[in-house]
Structures are given as structure tokens and as C-alpha cells.
Amino acid sequence: MPDHVHCIIQPAQDAERVWVSISTIMRSIKGIAARRVNQLFGSAGAVWQDESWDRIIRDEDEMVQKLAYMMHNPVKAGLVQRPEEYEFLLMSGWDRSIPG
């Protein structure tokens, strides 16, 4: 989407076998992405808002529901006709078949 990002992530444990927090993961993603955006555009400063919204996915049905929502979001926004046409749809480790 032009103004936001959807992602599904699975936290891992660090070297001390402590679960990495969502805030740490998001800070890393936003920091790396912001540096790259600023490099590409020759700019400096904030790229992302301080906020984020997260949700725990509890079962496979909910996973399919969230994937379908994310994949159809560019269609709903009028950016593409079908989810698979959206060039920024990345599904590492997942079958690209479109649920729902």
C-alpha cells in the first residue's frame, strides 16, 4: 500500500533464548526501511509514524483470514484488479495461492 505496510511475522528467540519483542522487531524494520528510503531520495528525517498496530494470530483459520485481508487490500484500494498483480506482495515461505 502506498501509505502503510501489512506483515505477518513470527518472533524468534535471541541468543539468550529470550523472545524478541514486537517493539524491537518493529523498531528494526522501521529503522532499516527509513534509512534506505532516505538514501534513495537523498533526504533525512522520519519516514514512519511512531505508532503500529499488532495482533496475535491464534490459529490457522485466523491466519488465512488475515492473509486474505492483506492480499486483497491493494484491490480494495483500487491499485490492482487482482492481488497477484500487486508488485509489492511478498510471501516468503507461503504458497502464493490467494485465499478468500
N, C-alpha and C. Protein backbone atom coordinates (compact mmCIF):
# COMPACT_ATOMS: atom_id res chain seq x y z
N MET A 1 0.84 -1.17 0.00
CA MET A 1 0.00 0.00 0.00
C MET A 1 0.89 1.24 0.00
N PRO A 2 0.43 2.31 -0.61
CA PRO A 2 1.27 3.49 -0.69
C PRO A 2 1.55 4.15 0.65
N ASP A 3 0.68 3.96 1.64
CA ASP A 3 0.86 4.71 2.89
C ASP A 3 0.96 3.84 4.13
N HIS A 4 1.01 2.54 3.97
CA HIS A 4 1.19 1.67 5.14
C HIS A 4 1.66 0.28 4.69
N VAL A 5 2.03 -0.52 5.66
CA VAL A 5 2.56 -1.87 5.39
C VAL A 5 1.82 -2.86 6.26
N HIS A 6 1.51 -4.00 5.68
CA HIS A 6 0.98 -5.13 6.43
C HIS A 6 2.05 -6.22 6.42
N CYS A 7 2.25 -6.88 7.54
CA CYS A 7 3.17 -8.01 7.54
C CYS A 7 2.75 -9.00 8.62
N ILE A 8 3.08 -10.24 8.37
CA ILE A 8 2.89 -11.29 9.37
C ILE A 8 4.28 -11.80 9.70
N ILE A 9 4.62 -11.73 10.96
CA ILE A 9 5.94 -12.17 11.40
C ILE A 9 5.80 -13.15 12.56
N GLN A 10 6.80 -13.97 12.71
CA GLN A 10 6.86 -14.88 13.84
C GLN A 10 8.11 -14.55 14.63
N PRO A 11 7.96 -14.01 15.84
CA PRO A 11 9.14 -13.69 16.65
C PRO A 11 9.99 -14.93 16.91
N ALA A 12 11.26 -14.68 17.11
CA ALA A 12 12.21 -15.75 17.41
C ALA A 12 12.85 -15.46 18.76
N GLN A 13 13.63 -16.39 19.23
CA GLN A 13 14.37 -16.20 20.47
C GLN A 13 15.76 -15.68 20.15
N ASP A 14 16.27 -14.83 21.02
CA ASP A 14 17.62 -14.30 20.83
C ASP A 14 18.65 -15.29 21.36
N ALA A 15 19.91 -14.89 21.41
CA ALA A 15 20.99 -15.78 21.83
C ALA A 15 20.82 -16.29 23.26
N GLU A 16 20.13 -15.51 24.10
CA GLU A 16 19.88 -15.93 25.48
C GLU A 16 18.56 -16.68 25.61
N ARG A 17 17.95 -17.03 24.49
CA ARG A 17 16.69 -17.78 24.43
C ARG A 17 15.52 -16.99 25.03
N VAL A 18 15.58 -15.66 24.87
CA VAL A 18 14.50 -14.77 25.27
C VAL A 18 13.76 -14.35 24.00
N TRP A 19 12.44 -14.36 24.06
CA TRP A 19 11.66 -13.97 22.88
C TRP A 19 11.90 -12.51 22.54
N VAL A 20 12.16 -12.24 21.28
CA VAL A 20 12.35 -10.87 20.81
C VAL A 20 10.98 -10.19 20.79
N SER A 21 10.89 -9.01 21.36
CA SER A 21 9.60 -8.32 21.46
C SER A 21 9.16 -7.74 20.12
N ILE A 22 7.86 -7.58 19.97
CA ILE A 22 7.31 -6.96 18.76
C ILE A 22 7.86 -5.54 18.60
N SER A 23 7.99 -4.80 19.71
CA SER A 23 8.51 -3.43 19.60
C SER A 23 9.94 -3.42 19.07
N THR A 24 10.75 -4.38 19.48
CA THR A 24 12.12 -4.47 18.98
C THR A 24 12.13 -4.81 17.50
N ILE A 25 11.29 -5.74 17.10
CA ILE A 25 11.20 -6.12 15.69
C ILE A 25 10.75 -4.93 14.85
N MET A 26 9.69 -4.25 15.27
CA MET A 26 9.17 -3.11 14.52
C MET A 26 10.19 -1.97 14.45
N ARG A 27 10.88 -1.72 15.54
CA ARG A 27 11.91 -0.68 15.55
C ARG A 27 13.00 -1.00 14.52
N SER A 28 13.38 -2.26 14.42
CA SER A 28 14.40 -2.68 13.46
C SER A 28 13.90 -2.52 12.03
N ILE A 29 12.69 -3.01 11.76
CA ILE A 29 12.13 -2.91 10.41
C ILE A 29 12.01 -1.45 9.99
N LYS A 30 11.42 -0.63 10.87
CA LYS A 30 11.23 0.78 10.54
C LYS A 30 12.56 1.51 10.38
N GLY A 31 13.53 1.19 11.23
CA GLY A 31 14.83 1.85 11.15
C GLY A 31 15.56 1.54 9.86
N ILE A 32 15.60 0.26 9.50
CA ILE A 32 16.28 -0.15 8.26
C ILE A 32 15.57 0.45 7.05
N ALA A 33 14.24 0.35 7.03
CA ALA A 33 13.47 0.89 5.90
C ALA A 33 13.63 2.40 5.78
N ALA A 34 13.59 3.11 6.90
CA ALA A 34 13.72 4.57 6.86
C ALA A 34 15.09 4.99 6.34
N ARG A 35 16.14 4.30 6.77
CA ARG A 35 17.48 4.62 6.27
C ARG A 35 17.55 4.43 4.76
N ARG A 36 16.97 3.33 4.28
CA ARG A 36 17.00 3.04 2.84
C ARG A 36 16.18 4.06 2.05
N VAL A 37 14.99 4.40 2.54
CA VAL A 37 14.16 5.41 1.86
C VAL A 37 14.91 6.74 1.80
N ASN A 38 15.50 7.15 2.91
CA ASN A 38 16.24 8.41 2.93
C ASN A 38 17.44 8.37 1.99
N GLN A 39 18.12 7.23 1.90
CA GLN A 39 19.23 7.10 0.95
C GLN A 39 18.73 7.23 -0.49
N LEU A 40 17.65 6.54 -0.81
CA LEU A 40 17.12 6.56 -2.17
C LEU A 40 16.67 7.95 -2.61
N PHE A 41 16.07 8.70 -1.67
CA PHE A 41 15.54 10.01 -2.01
C PHE A 41 16.47 11.16 -1.63
N GLY A 42 17.63 10.85 -1.09
CA GLY A 42 18.56 11.90 -0.68
C GLY A 42 17.98 12.81 0.37
N SER A 43 17.21 12.23 1.27
CA SER A 43 16.55 13.01 2.31
C SER A 43 17.01 12.56 3.69
N ALA A 44 16.46 13.18 4.68
CA ALA A 44 16.76 12.81 6.06
C ALA A 44 15.50 13.00 6.89
N GLY A 45 15.45 12.31 8.00
CA GLY A 45 14.33 12.52 8.91
C GLY A 45 13.40 11.32 8.98
N ALA A 46 12.32 11.54 9.70
CA ALA A 46 11.36 10.46 9.97
C ALA A 46 10.63 10.05 8.70
N VAL A 47 10.40 8.76 8.57
CA VAL A 47 9.64 8.19 7.47
C VAL A 47 8.34 7.60 8.00
N TRP A 48 8.40 7.00 9.17
CA TRP A 48 7.27 6.28 9.75
C TRP A 48 6.68 7.05 10.91
N GLN A 49 5.39 6.83 11.15
CA GLN A 49 4.78 7.33 12.38
C GLN A 49 5.28 6.46 13.53
N ASP A 50 5.20 6.97 14.75
CA ASP A 50 5.66 6.22 15.92
C ASP A 50 4.77 5.04 16.24
N GLU A 51 3.56 5.03 15.73
CA GLU A 51 2.60 4.00 16.11
C GLU A 51 2.71 2.76 15.23
N SER A 52 2.15 1.69 15.72
CA SER A 52 1.93 0.47 14.94
C SER A 52 0.75 -0.26 15.58
N TRP A 53 0.22 -1.19 14.88
CA TRP A 53 -0.91 -1.97 15.39
C TRP A 53 -0.55 -3.42 15.22
N ASP A 54 -0.67 -4.19 16.27
CA ASP A 54 -0.32 -5.60 16.16
C ASP A 54 -1.43 -6.48 16.71
N ARG A 55 -1.38 -7.72 16.30
CA ARG A 55 -2.39 -8.70 16.69
C ARG A 55 -1.74 -10.06 16.74
N ILE A 56 -2.09 -10.87 17.70
CA ILE A 56 -1.62 -12.24 17.78
C ILE A 56 -2.56 -13.12 16.96
N ILE A 57 -2.00 -13.89 16.07
CA ILE A 57 -2.79 -14.84 15.28
C ILE A 57 -2.76 -16.16 16.03
N ARG A 58 -3.93 -16.66 16.37
CA ARG A 58 -4.03 -17.79 17.27
C ARG A 58 -4.21 -19.15 16.62
N ASP A 59 -4.67 -19.18 15.35
CA ASP A 59 -4.87 -20.49 14.71
C ASP A 59 -4.81 -20.33 13.19
N GLU A 60 -4.87 -21.44 12.49
CA GLU A 60 -4.75 -21.43 11.03
C GLU A 60 -5.90 -20.67 10.36
N ASP A 61 -7.11 -20.81 10.88
CA ASP A 61 -8.24 -20.09 10.30
C ASP A 61 -8.02 -18.58 10.35
N GLU A 62 -7.53 -18.11 11.48
CA GLU A 62 -7.27 -16.68 11.62
C GLU A 62 -6.12 -16.26 10.71
N MET A 63 -5.13 -17.12 10.53
CA MET A 63 -4.02 -16.83 9.63
C MET A 63 -4.53 -16.66 8.20
N VAL A 64 -5.38 -17.55 7.76
CA VAL A 64 -5.94 -17.47 6.41
C VAL A 64 -6.76 -16.19 6.26
N GLN A 65 -7.54 -15.86 7.28
CA GLN A 65 -8.35 -14.64 7.25
C GLN A 65 -7.46 -13.40 7.12
N LYS A 66 -6.41 -13.33 7.90
CA LYS A 66 -5.50 -12.16 7.86
C LYS A 66 -4.77 -12.09 6.53
N LEU A 67 -4.32 -13.24 6.01
CA LEU A 67 -3.65 -13.26 4.71
C LEU A 67 -4.59 -12.76 3.61
N ALA A 68 -5.82 -13.24 3.63
CA ALA A 68 -6.79 -12.81 2.62
C ALA A 68 -7.01 -11.30 2.70
N TYR A 69 -7.17 -10.77 3.90
CA TYR A 69 -7.35 -9.33 4.08
C TYR A 69 -6.16 -8.57 3.49
N MET A 70 -4.95 -9.00 3.85
CA MET A 70 -3.75 -8.32 3.39
C MET A 70 -3.61 -8.39 1.88
N MET A 71 -3.89 -9.54 1.32
CA MET A 71 -3.71 -9.73 -0.12
C MET A 71 -4.74 -8.96 -0.93
N HIS A 72 -5.94 -8.79 -0.41
CA HIS A 72 -6.98 -8.08 -1.14
C HIS A 72 -6.98 -6.58 -0.86
N ASN A 73 -6.16 -6.11 0.05
CA ASN A 73 -6.10 -4.70 0.39
C ASN A 73 -5.75 -3.81 -0.81
N PRO A 74 -4.77 -4.17 -1.64
CA PRO A 74 -4.48 -3.35 -2.83
C PRO A 74 -5.62 -3.33 -3.85
N VAL A 75 -6.39 -4.42 -3.91
CA VAL A 75 -7.56 -4.47 -4.80
C VAL A 75 -8.61 -3.49 -4.28
N LYS A 76 -8.88 -3.56 -3.00
CA LYS A 76 -9.87 -2.67 -2.37
C LYS A 76 -9.47 -1.19 -2.56
N ALA A 77 -8.16 -0.93 -2.53
CA ALA A 77 -7.67 0.44 -2.70
C ALA A 77 -7.66 0.88 -4.17
N GLY A 78 -8.00 -0.04 -5.08
CA GLY A 78 -8.05 0.30 -6.50
C GLY A 78 -6.70 0.35 -7.18
N LEU A 79 -5.68 -0.25 -6.57
CA LEU A 79 -4.33 -0.24 -7.15
C LEU A 79 -4.13 -1.33 -8.21
N VAL A 80 -4.84 -2.43 -8.06
CA VAL A 80 -4.76 -3.56 -8.99
C VAL A 80 -6.13 -4.20 -9.11
N GLN A 81 -6.29 -5.04 -10.11
CA GLN A 81 -7.54 -5.78 -10.29
C GLN A 81 -7.54 -7.08 -9.48
N ARG A 82 -6.36 -7.72 -9.38
CA ARG A 82 -6.23 -8.99 -8.66
C ARG A 82 -5.02 -8.92 -7.74
N PRO A 83 -5.07 -9.56 -6.58
CA PRO A 83 -3.96 -9.46 -5.62
C PRO A 83 -2.60 -9.82 -6.20
N GLU A 84 -2.54 -10.84 -7.05
CA GLU A 84 -1.24 -11.27 -7.58
C GLU A 84 -0.60 -10.24 -8.52
N GLU A 85 -1.35 -9.23 -8.93
CA GLU A 85 -0.80 -8.15 -9.77
C GLU A 85 -0.02 -7.12 -8.95
N TYR A 86 -0.22 -7.11 -7.65
CA TYR A 86 0.43 -6.10 -6.80
C TYR A 86 1.91 -6.43 -6.66
N GLU A 87 2.77 -5.55 -7.18
CA GLU A 87 4.20 -5.85 -7.25
C GLU A 87 4.88 -5.96 -5.88
N PHE A 88 4.28 -5.42 -4.85
CA PHE A 88 4.91 -5.44 -3.53
C PHE A 88 4.40 -6.57 -2.65
N LEU A 89 3.62 -7.47 -3.19
CA LEU A 89 3.14 -8.63 -2.45
C LEU A 89 4.27 -9.65 -2.35
N LEU A 90 4.79 -9.81 -1.16
CA LEU A 90 5.88 -10.76 -0.91
C LEU A 90 5.38 -11.81 0.06
N MET A 91 5.56 -13.07 -0.31
CA MET A 91 5.04 -14.14 0.54
C MET A 91 6.13 -15.19 0.74
N SER A 92 7.19 -14.82 1.38
CA SER A 92 8.28 -15.74 1.64
C SER A 92 7.81 -16.89 2.49
N GLY A 93 8.03 -18.11 2.01
CA GLY A 93 7.67 -19.29 2.77
C GLY A 93 6.21 -19.69 2.67
N TRP A 94 5.42 -18.99 1.82
CA TRP A 94 4.00 -19.28 1.68
C TRP A 94 3.67 -19.56 0.24
N ASP A 95 2.69 -20.39 0.02
CA ASP A 95 2.13 -20.62 -1.29
C ASP A 95 1.42 -19.34 -1.71
N ARG A 96 1.64 -18.88 -2.92
CA ARG A 96 1.04 -17.62 -3.37
C ARG A 96 -0.41 -17.75 -3.79
N SER A 97 -1.03 -18.92 -3.57
CA SER A 97 -2.44 -19.03 -3.91
C SER A 97 -3.23 -18.05 -3.03
N ILE A 98 -4.24 -17.49 -3.60
CA ILE A 98 -4.96 -16.41 -2.95
C ILE A 98 -6.15 -16.96 -2.13
N PRO A 99 -6.08 -16.83 -0.81
CA PRO A 99 -7.24 -17.27 -0.01
C PRO A 99 -8.39 -16.27 -0.16
N GLY A 100 -9.60 -16.75 0.10
CA GLY A 100 -10.78 -15.89 0.16
C GLY A 100 -11.01 -15.10 -1.06
